[in-house]
Every structure is written in structure tokens, then in C-alpha cells.
């Protein structure tokens, strides 16, 4: 199994990714108290985003 060399990956990151990595390496991130609950919450957000149960009716009348 080949592992990713993260040192080389730094050179391939865009500016936003570099900022995130720098922030993480500085210890600026906080742990989530209840990870399972947070994951479930965001899974529900994702499901709601992709749900296709909304209907829209559009009526267009002719100009006379």
C-alpha cells in the first residue's frame, strides 16, 4: 500500500487549502464534543438539500 507524501502535497494546494492547512497546523481548530451527533446533523442537511419533494406550479397567461 502506497501512502501519500503530504510534504509534496503542500506544493499542490491552492491558496484556500494552504490557509486551512496552516490554521490546522497552528492548532487553531477545536474538537467537536459529540462527533456522532454532528455527523448525523450534517447528513440530514445533505439529505434535505437533495430531496426532490417540493412542487412548484407556474401559470402563464397569454397577452391579448
C-alpha atoms as a PDB file:
ATOM      1  CA  UNK A   1       0.000   0.000   0.000  1.00  0.00           C
ATOM      2  CA  UNK A   2       1.410   3.370  -1.009  1.00  0.00           C
ATOM      3  CA  UNK A   3       0.959   6.295   1.362  1.00  0.00           C
ATOM      4  CA  UNK A   4       0.556   9.887   0.253  1.00  0.00           C
ATOM      5  CA  UNK A   5       3.578  12.110   0.840  1.00  0.00           C
ATOM      6  CA  UNK A   6       1.982  15.150   2.488  1.00  0.00           C
ATOM      7  CA  UNK A   7       5.150  17.229   2.211  1.00  0.00           C
ATOM      8  CA  UNK A   8       4.890  17.189  -1.584  1.00  0.00           C
ATOM      9  CA  UNK A   9       1.123  17.750  -1.411  1.00  0.00           C
ATOM     10  CA  UNK A  10       1.675  21.194   0.156  1.00  0.00           C
ATOM     11  CA  UNK A  11       3.068  22.397  -3.149  1.00  0.00           C
ATOM     12  CA  UNK A  12      -0.080  21.258  -4.973  1.00  0.00           C
ATOM     13  CA  UNK A  13      -2.566  23.083  -2.723  1.00  0.00           C
ATOM     14  CA  UNK A  14      -4.448  26.203  -3.763  1.00  0.00           C
ATOM     15  CA  UNK A  15      -4.453  29.294  -1.518  1.00  0.00           C
ATOM     16  CA  UNK A  16      -7.613  28.342   0.405  1.00  0.00           C
ATOM     17  CA  UNK A  17      -6.281  24.844   1.082  1.00  0.00           C
ATOM     18  CA  UNK A  18      -2.953  26.267   2.238  1.00  0.00           C
ATOM     19  CA  UNK A  19      -4.767  28.616   4.642  1.00  0.00           C
ATOM     20  CA  UNK A  20      -6.780  25.708   6.070  1.00  0.00           C
ATOM     21  CA  UNK A  21      -3.682  23.558   6.488  1.00  0.00           C
ATOM     22  CA  UNK A  22      -1.786  26.393   8.145  1.00  0.00           C
ATOM     23  CA  UNK A  23      -4.663  27.037  10.547  1.00  0.00           C
ATOM     24  CA  UNK A  24      -4.827  23.332  11.429  1.00  0.00           C
ATOM     25  CA  UNK A  25      -1.084  23.083  11.981  1.00  0.00           C
ATOM     26  CA  UNK A  26      -1.177  26.114  14.310  1.00  0.00           C
ATOM     27  CA  UNK A  27      -3.737  24.313  16.479  1.00  0.00           C
ATOM     28  CA  UNK A  28      -6.498  26.831  15.774  1.00  0.00           C
ATOM     29  CA  UNK A  29      -9.168  24.155  15.305  1.00  0.00           C
ATOM     30  CA  UNK A  30     -11.404  22.957  18.134  1.00  0.00           C
ATOM     31  CA  UNK A  31     -12.588  19.406  18.739  1.00  0.00           C
ATOM     32  CA  UNK A  32     -16.273  18.655  18.317  1.00  0.00           C
ATOM     33  CA  UNK A  33     -17.819  17.446  21.578  1.00  0.00           C
ATOM     34  CA  UNK A  34     -20.194  14.822  20.158  1.00  0.00           C
ATOM     35  CA  UNK A  35     -18.831  13.829  16.758  1.00  0.00           C
ATOM     36  CA  UNK A  36     -21.514  11.213  16.014  1.00  0.00           C
ATOM     37  CA  UNK A  37     -24.289  13.736  16.666  1.00  0.00           C
ATOM     38  CA  UNK A  38     -22.595  16.352  14.457  1.00  0.00           C
ATOM     39  CA  UNK A  39     -22.113  13.863  11.631  1.00  0.00           C
ATOM     40  CA  UNK A  40     -25.779  12.851  11.788  1.00  0.00           C
ATOM     41  CA  UNK A  41     -26.845  16.516  11.789  1.00  0.00           C
ATOM     42  CA  UNK A  42     -24.832  17.241   8.642  1.00  0.00           C
ATOM     43  CA  UNK A  43     -26.016  14.042   6.962  1.00  0.00           C
ATOM     44  CA  UNK A  44     -29.579  15.303   7.470  1.00  0.00           C
ATOM     45  CA  UNK A  45     -28.617  18.665   5.958  1.00  0.00           C
ATOM     46  CA  UNK A  46     -27.218  16.879   2.905  1.00  0.00           C
ATOM     47  CA  UNK A  47     -30.335  14.729   2.535  1.00  0.00           C
ATOM     48  CA  UNK A  48     -32.585  17.788   2.763  1.00  0.00           C
ATOM     49  CA  UNK A  49     -30.512  19.547   0.120  1.00  0.00           C
ATOM     50  CA  UNK A  50     -31.002  16.721  -2.369  1.00  0.00           C
ATOM     51  CA  UNK A  51     -34.632  15.929  -1.555  1.00  0.00           C
ATOM     52  CA  UNK A  52     -36.896  16.436  -4.537  1.00  0.00           C
ATOM     53  CA  UNK A  53     -40.290  16.526  -2.853  1.00  0.00           C
ATOM     54  CA  UNK A  54     -41.136  20.182  -3.451  1.00  0.00           C
ATOM     55  CA  UNK A  55     -43.606  21.096  -6.171  1.00  0.00           C
ATOM     56  CA  UNK A  56     -43.892  24.418  -7.970  1.00  0.00           C
ATOM     57  CA  UNK A  57     -46.832  25.446 -10.133  1.00  0.00           C
ATOM     58  CA  UNK A  58     -46.340  28.198 -12.664  1.00  0.00           C
ATOM     59  CA  UNK A  59     -49.230  29.691 -14.614  1.00  0.00           C
ATOM     60  CA  UNK A  60     -48.535  31.834 -17.617  1.00  0.00           C
ATOM     61  CA  UNK A  61     -51.370  33.694 -19.253  1.00  0.00           C
ATOM     62  CA  UNK A  62     -51.370  34.892 -22.822  1.00  0.00           C
ATOM     63  CA  UNK A  63     -51.284  38.582 -23.541  1.00  0.00           C
ATOM     64  CA  UNK A  64     -54.335  39.533 -25.527  1.00  0.00           C
END
